[in-house]
Amino acid sequence: MYRKKIYSKGFLVPALILYTALFVVPCLISFGYSLTNWNSISANIKFVGMNNFKRIFSTSSPT
């Protein structure tokens, strides 16, 4: 009985590591980038917070 529990965790751990490395981490990094005003060419990264989202969801024209 004890052997089956270890065996099942042996398959779960690599799957969770891959899921975290290939999905969770890129999502968190993308969310971090969405909170900045950065064009990926210059070295200047300006933190603007939720202003990007406010501008997207506002009904007025973009400035």
PDB file of N, CA and C in Angstrom:
ATOM      1  N   MET A   1       0.815  -1.190   0.000  1.00  0.00           N
ATOM      2  CA  MET A   1       0.000   0.000   0.000  1.00  0.00           C
ATOM      3  C   MET A   1       0.863   1.261   0.000  1.00  0.00           C
ATOM      4  N   TYR A   2       1.891   1.293   0.815  1.00  0.00           N
ATOM      5  CA  TYR A   2       2.763   2.453   0.903  1.00  0.00           C
ATOM      6  C   TYR A   2       3.508   2.682  -0.404  1.00  0.00           C
ATOM      7  N   ARG A   3       3.838   1.653  -1.099  1.00  0.00           N
ATOM      8  CA  ARG A   3       4.584   1.748  -2.349  1.00  0.00           C
ATOM      9  C   ARG A   3       3.780   2.461  -3.435  1.00  0.00           C
ATOM     10  N   LYS A   4       2.475   2.274  -3.471  1.00  0.00           N
ATOM     11  CA  LYS A   4       1.634   2.915  -4.479  1.00  0.00           C
ATOM     12  C   LYS A   4       1.596   4.433  -4.302  1.00  0.00           C
ATOM     13  N   LYS A   5       1.595   4.905  -3.070  1.00  0.00           N
ATOM     14  CA  LYS A   5       1.555   6.344  -2.825  1.00  0.00           C
ATOM     15  C   LYS A   5       2.828   7.018  -3.314  1.00  0.00           C
ATOM     16  N   ILE A   6       3.957   6.424  -3.086  1.00  0.00           N
ATOM     17  CA  ILE A   6       5.221   6.977  -3.564  1.00  0.00           C
ATOM     18  C   ILE A   6       5.272   6.951  -5.084  1.00  0.00           C
ATOM     19  N   TYR A   7       4.771   5.881  -5.660  1.00  0.00           N
ATOM     20  CA  TYR A   7       4.798   5.733  -7.108  1.00  0.00           C
ATOM     21  C   TYR A   7       3.925   6.798  -7.780  1.00  0.00           C
ATOM     22  N   SER A   8       2.762   7.076  -7.213  1.00  0.00           N
ATOM     23  CA  SER A   8       1.889   8.085  -7.812  1.00  0.00           C
ATOM     24  C   SER A   8       2.477   9.492  -7.669  1.00  0.00           C
ATOM     25  N   LYS A   9       3.157   9.771  -6.559  1.00  0.00           N
ATOM     26  CA  LYS A   9       3.795  11.074  -6.394  1.00  0.00           C
ATOM     27  C   LYS A   9       4.974  11.232  -7.343  1.00  0.00           C
ATOM     28  N   GLY A  10       5.577  10.131  -7.709  1.00  0.00           N
ATOM     29  CA  GLY A  10       6.685  10.188  -8.656  1.00  0.00           C
ATOM     30  C   GLY A  10       6.261  10.685 -10.022  1.00  0.00           C
ATOM     31  N   PHE A  11       5.007  10.458 -10.393  1.00  0.00           N
ATOM     32  CA  PHE A  11       4.483  10.977 -11.646  1.00  0.00           C
ATOM     33  C   PHE A  11       3.924  12.390 -11.492  1.00  0.00           C
ATOM     34  N   LEU A  12       3.475  12.717 -10.326  1.00  0.00           N
ATOM     35  CA  LEU A  12       2.859  14.018 -10.092  1.00  0.00           C
ATOM     36  C   LEU A  12       3.880  15.147 -10.033  1.00  0.00           C
ATOM     37  N   VAL A  13       4.990  14.932  -9.389  1.00  0.00           N
ATOM     38  CA  VAL A  13       5.988  15.989  -9.193  1.00  0.00           C
ATOM     39  C   VAL A  13       6.560  16.500 -10.517  1.00  0.00           C
ATOM     40  N   PRO A  14       6.996  15.653 -11.451  1.00  0.00           N
ATOM     41  CA  PRO A  14       7.501  16.198 -12.717  1.00  0.00           C
ATOM     42  C   PRO A  14       6.431  16.934 -13.523  1.00  0.00           C
ATOM     43  N   ALA A  15       5.193  16.462 -13.441  1.00  0.00           N
ATOM     44  CA  ALA A  15       4.113  17.142 -14.149  1.00  0.00           C
ATOM     45  C   ALA A  15       3.869  18.529 -13.568  1.00  0.00           C
ATOM     46  N   LEU A  16       3.898  18.643 -12.252  1.00  0.00           N
ATOM     47  CA  LEU A  16       3.711  19.951 -11.627  1.00  0.00           C
ATOM     48  C   LEU A  16       4.865  20.891 -11.915  1.00  0.00           C
ATOM     49  N   ILE A  17       6.065  20.356 -11.980  1.00  0.00           N
ATOM     50  CA  ILE A  17       7.225  21.186 -12.309  1.00  0.00           C
ATOM     51  C   ILE A  17       7.108  21.718 -13.737  1.00  0.00           C
ATOM     52  N   LEU A  18       6.731  20.860 -14.671  1.00  0.00           N
ATOM     53  CA  LEU A  18       6.555  21.304 -16.059  1.00  0.00           C
ATOM     54  C   LEU A  18       5.423  22.314 -16.175  1.00  0.00           C
ATOM     55  N   TYR A  19       4.309  22.057 -15.514  1.00  0.00           N
ATOM     56  CA  TYR A  19       3.172  22.974 -15.550  1.00  0.00           C
ATOM     57  C   TYR A  19       3.567  24.343 -15.005  1.00  0.00           C
ATOM     58  N   THR A  20       4.299  24.332 -13.903  1.00  0.00           N
ATOM     59  CA  THR A  20       4.732  25.592 -13.309  1.00  0.00           C
ATOM     60  C   THR A  20       5.713  26.320 -14.216  1.00  0.00           C
ATOM     61  N   ALA A  21       6.663  25.598 -14.775  1.00  0.00           N
ATOM     62  CA  ALA A  21       7.698  26.225 -15.604  1.00  0.00           C
ATOM     63  C   ALA A  21       7.146  26.719 -16.937  1.00  0.00           C
ATOM     64  N   LEU A  22       6.191  26.014 -17.509  1.00  0.00           N
ATOM     65  CA  LEU A  22       5.716  26.356 -18.848  1.00  0.00           C
ATOM     66  C   LEU A  22       4.412  27.142 -18.881  1.00  0.00           C
ATOM     67  N   PHE A  23       3.698  27.227 -17.764  1.00  0.00           N
ATOM     68  CA  PHE A  23       2.438  27.968 -17.763  1.00  0.00           C
ATOM     69  C   PHE A  23       2.379  29.037 -16.676  1.00  0.00           C
ATOM     70  N   VAL A  24       2.608  28.670 -15.439  1.00  0.00           N
ATOM     71  CA  VAL A  24       2.424  29.609 -14.330  1.00  0.00           C
ATOM     72  C   VAL A  24       3.448  30.734 -14.371  1.00  0.00           C
ATOM     73  N   VAL A  25       4.716  30.396 -14.525  1.00  0.00           N
ATOM     74  CA  VAL A  25       5.772  31.420 -14.537  1.00  0.00           C
ATOM     75  C   VAL A  25       5.590  32.400 -15.698  1.00  0.00           C
ATOM     76  N   PRO A  26       5.350  31.949 -16.944  1.00  0.00           N
ATOM     77  CA  PRO A  26       5.127  32.927 -18.018  1.00  0.00           C
ATOM     78  C   PRO A  26       3.893  33.803 -17.797  1.00  0.00           C
ATOM     79  N   CYS A  27       2.844  33.259 -17.200  1.00  0.00           N
ATOM     80  CA  CYS A  27       1.667  34.079 -16.901  1.00  0.00           C
ATOM     81  C   CYS A  27       1.986  35.169 -15.892  1.00  0.00           C
ATOM     82  N   LEU A  28       2.735  34.834 -14.867  1.00  0.00           N
ATOM     83  CA  LEU A  28       3.108  35.841 -13.871  1.00  0.00           C
ATOM     84  C   LEU A  28       4.034  36.902 -14.458  1.00  0.00           C
ATOM     85  N   ILE A  29       4.960  36.490 -15.298  1.00  0.00           N
ATOM     86  CA  ILE A  29       5.865  37.452 -15.941  1.00  0.00           C
ATOM     87  C   ILE A  29       5.082  38.373 -16.873  1.00  0.00           C
ATOM     88  N   SER A  30       4.141  37.829 -17.628  1.00  0.00           N
ATOM     89  CA  SER A  30       3.316  38.644 -18.528  1.00  0.00           C
ATOM     90  C   SER A  30       2.480  39.648 -17.747  1.00  0.00           C
ATOM     91  N   PHE A  31       1.937  39.217 -16.624  1.00  0.00           N
ATOM     92  CA  PHE A  31       1.172  40.149 -15.801  1.00  0.00           C
ATOM     93  C   PHE A  31       2.072  41.263 -15.274  1.00  0.00           C
ATOM     94  N   GLY A  32       3.290  40.919 -14.911  1.00  0.00           N
ATOM     95  CA  GLY A  32       4.245  41.941 -14.470  1.00  0.00           C
ATOM     96  C   GLY A  32       4.564  42.931 -15.576  1.00  0.00           C
ATOM     97  N   TYR A  33       4.742  42.443 -16.792  1.00  0.00           N
ATOM     98  CA  TYR A  33       4.986  43.334 -17.927  1.00  0.00           C
ATOM     99  C   TYR A  33       3.778  44.218 -18.215  1.00  0.00           C
ATOM    100  N   SER A  34       2.579  43.711 -17.985  1.00  0.00           N
ATOM    101  CA  SER A  34       1.383  44.503 -18.268  1.00  0.00           C
ATOM    102  C   SER A  34       1.238  45.682 -17.324  1.00  0.00           C
ATOM    103  N   LEU A  35       1.951  45.667 -16.225  1.00  0.00           N
ATOM    104  CA  LEU A  35       1.897  46.767 -15.272  1.00  0.00           C
ATOM    105  C   LEU A  35       2.978  47.817 -15.540  1.00  0.00           C
ATOM    106  N   THR A  36       3.691  47.684 -16.646  1.00  0.00           N
ATOM    107  CA  THR A  36       4.748  48.634 -16.979  1.00  0.00           C
ATOM    108  C   THR A  36       4.468  49.305 -18.311  1.00  0.00           C
ATOM    109  N   ASN A  37       5.204  50.363 -18.557  1.00  0.00           N
ATOM    110  CA  ASN A  37       5.163  51.045 -19.841  1.00  0.00           C
ATOM    111  C   ASN A  37       6.534  50.827 -20.478  1.00  0.00           C
ATOM    112  N   TRP A  38       6.699  49.718 -21.164  1.00  0.00           N
ATOM    113  CA  TRP A  38       7.987  49.312 -21.712  1.00  0.00           C
ATOM    114  C   TRP A  38       7.779  48.818 -23.125  1.00  0.00           C
ATOM    115  N   ASN A  39       8.611  49.268 -24.055  1.00  0.00           N
ATOM    116  CA  ASN A  39       8.449  48.867 -25.449  1.00  0.00           C
ATOM    117  C   ASN A  39       9.404  47.756 -25.856  1.00  0.00           C
ATOM    118  N   SER A  40      10.124  47.172 -24.968  1.00  0.00           N
ATOM    119  CA  SER A  40      11.061  46.048 -25.140  1.00  0.00           C
ATOM    120  C   SER A  40      12.287  46.387 -25.978  1.00  0.00           C
ATOM    121  N   ILE A  41      12.423  47.621 -26.414  1.00  0.00           N
ATOM    122  CA  ILE A  41      13.614  48.047 -27.157  1.00  0.00           C
ATOM    123  C   ILE A  41      14.511  48.881 -26.254  1.00  0.00           C
ATOM    124  N   SER A  42      13.912  49.802 -25.548  1.00  0.00           N
ATOM    125  CA  SER A  42      14.698  50.660 -24.669  1.00  0.00           C
ATOM    126  C   SER A  42      14.922  49.976 -23.320  1.00  0.00           C
ATOM    127  N   ALA A  43      15.877  50.495 -22.580  1.00  0.00           N
ATOM    128  CA  ALA A  43      16.174  49.951 -21.262  1.00  0.00           C
ATOM    129  C   ALA A  43      15.329  50.607 -20.177  1.00  0.00           C
ATOM    130  N   ASN A  44      14.554  51.611 -20.544  1.00  0.00           N
ATOM    131  CA  ASN A  44      13.737  52.330 -19.566  1.00  0.00           C
ATOM    132  C   ASN A  44      12.435  51.575 -19.329  1.00  0.00           C
ATOM    133  N   ILE A  45      12.265  51.111 -18.110  1.00  0.00           N
ATOM    134  CA  ILE A  45      11.029  50.441 -17.726  1.00  0.00           C
ATOM    135  C   ILE A  45      10.349  51.316 -16.696  1.00  0.00           C
ATOM    136  N   LYS A  46       9.145  51.771 -17.016  1.00  0.00           N
ATOM    137  CA  LYS A  46       8.407  52.652 -16.117  1.00  0.00           C
ATOM    138  C   LYS A  46       7.188  51.903 -15.585  1.00  0.00           C
ATOM    139  N   PHE A  47       7.100  51.777 -14.276  1.00  0.00           N
ATOM    140  CA  PHE A  47       5.964  51.125 -13.642  1.00  0.00           C
ATOM    141  C   PHE A  47       4.771  52.059 -13.666  1.00  0.00           C
ATOM    142  N   VAL A  48       3.660  51.636 -14.265  1.00  0.00           N
ATOM    143  CA  VAL A  48       2.465  52.466 -14.344  1.00  0.00           C
ATOM    144  C   VAL A  48       1.290  51.848 -13.610  1.00  0.00           C
ATOM    145  N   GLY A  49       1.450  50.670 -13.076  1.00  0.00           N
ATOM    146  CA  GLY A  49       0.387  50.041 -12.304  1.00  0.00           C
ATOM    147  C   GLY A  49      -0.809  49.668 -13.153  1.00  0.00           C
ATOM    148  N   MET A  50      -1.977  49.944 -12.651  1.00  0.00           N
ATOM    149  CA  MET A  50      -3.218  49.552 -13.325  1.00  0.00           C
ATOM    150  C   MET A  50      -3.671  50.554 -14.381  1.00  0.00           C
ATOM    151  N   ASN A  51      -2.871  51.569 -14.670  1.00  0.00           N
ATOM    152  CA  ASN A  51      -3.273  52.572 -15.658  1.00  0.00           C
ATOM    153  C   ASN A  51      -3.449  51.965 -17.044  1.00  0.00           C
ATOM    154  N   ASN A  52      -2.660  50.965 -17.400  1.00  0.00           N
ATOM    155  CA  ASN A  52      -2.834  50.307 -18.691  1.00  0.00           C
ATOM    156  C   ASN A  52      -4.213  49.671 -18.791  1.00  0.00           C
ATOM    157  N   PHE A  53      -4.663  49.024 -17.737  1.00  0.00           N
ATOM    158  CA  PHE A  53      -5.971  48.379 -17.748  1.00  0.00           C
ATOM    159  C   PHE A  53      -7.095  49.402 -17.727  1.00  0.00           C
ATOM    160  N   LYS A  54      -6.900  50.492 -16.998  1.00  0.00           N
ATOM    161  CA  LYS A  54      -7.903  51.557 -17.005  1.00  0.00           C
ATOM    162  C   LYS A  54      -8.064  52.123 -18.402  1.00  0.00           C
ATOM    163  N   ARG A  55      -6.963  52.304 -19.099  1.00  0.00           N
ATOM    164  CA  ARG A  55      -7.011  52.853 -20.450  1.00  0.00           C
ATOM    165  C   ARG A  55      -7.683  51.877 -21.419  1.00  0.00           C
ATOM    166  N   ILE A  56      -7.450  50.596 -21.267  1.00  0.00           N
ATOM    167  CA  ILE A  56      -8.057  49.607 -22.155  1.00  0.00           C
ATOM    168  C   ILE A  56      -9.577  49.559 -21.962  1.00  0.00           C
ATOM    169  N   PHE A  57     -10.030  49.577 -20.715  1.00  0.00           N
ATOM    170  CA  PHE A  57     -11.446  49.379 -20.424  1.00  0.00           C
ATOM    171  C   PHE A  57     -12.240  50.669 -20.350  1.00  0.00           C
ATOM    172  N   SER A  58     -11.601  51.803 -20.561  1.00  0.00           N
ATOM    173  CA  SER A  58     -12.360  53.048 -20.561  1.00  0.00           C
ATOM    174  C   SER A  58     -13.066  53.207 -21.907  1.00  0.00           C
ATOM    175  N   THR A  59     -14.140  53.961 -21.913  1.00  0.00           N
ATOM    176  CA  THR A  59     -14.913  54.158 -23.139  1.00  0.00           C
ATOM    177  C   THR A  59     -14.390  55.310 -23.967  1.00  0.00           C
ATOM    178  N   SER A  60     -13.535  56.140 -23.405  1.00  0.00           N
ATOM    179  CA  SER A  60     -13.007  57.273 -24.154  1.00  0.00           C
ATOM    180  C   SER A  60     -11.924  56.833 -25.114  1.00  0.00           C
ATOM    181  N   SER A  61     -11.591  57.706 -26.030  1.00  0.00           N
ATOM    182  CA  SER A  61     -10.555  57.385 -27.010  1.00  0.00           C
ATOM    183  C   SER A  61      -9.184  57.378 -26.348  1.00  0.00           C
ATOM    184  N   PRO A  62      -8.258  56.560 -26.851  1.00  0.00           N
ATOM    185  CA  PRO A  62      -6.917  56.507 -26.235  1.00  0.00           C
ATOM    186  C   PRO A  62      -6.151  57.796 -26.445  1.00  0.00           C
ATOM    187  N   THR A  63      -5.298  58.128 -25.497  1.00  0.00           N
ATOM    188  CA  THR A  63      -4.503  59.361 -25.600  1.00  0.00           C
ATOM    189  C   THR A  63      -3.085  59.022 -25.911  1.00  0.00           C
TER     190      THR A  63
END
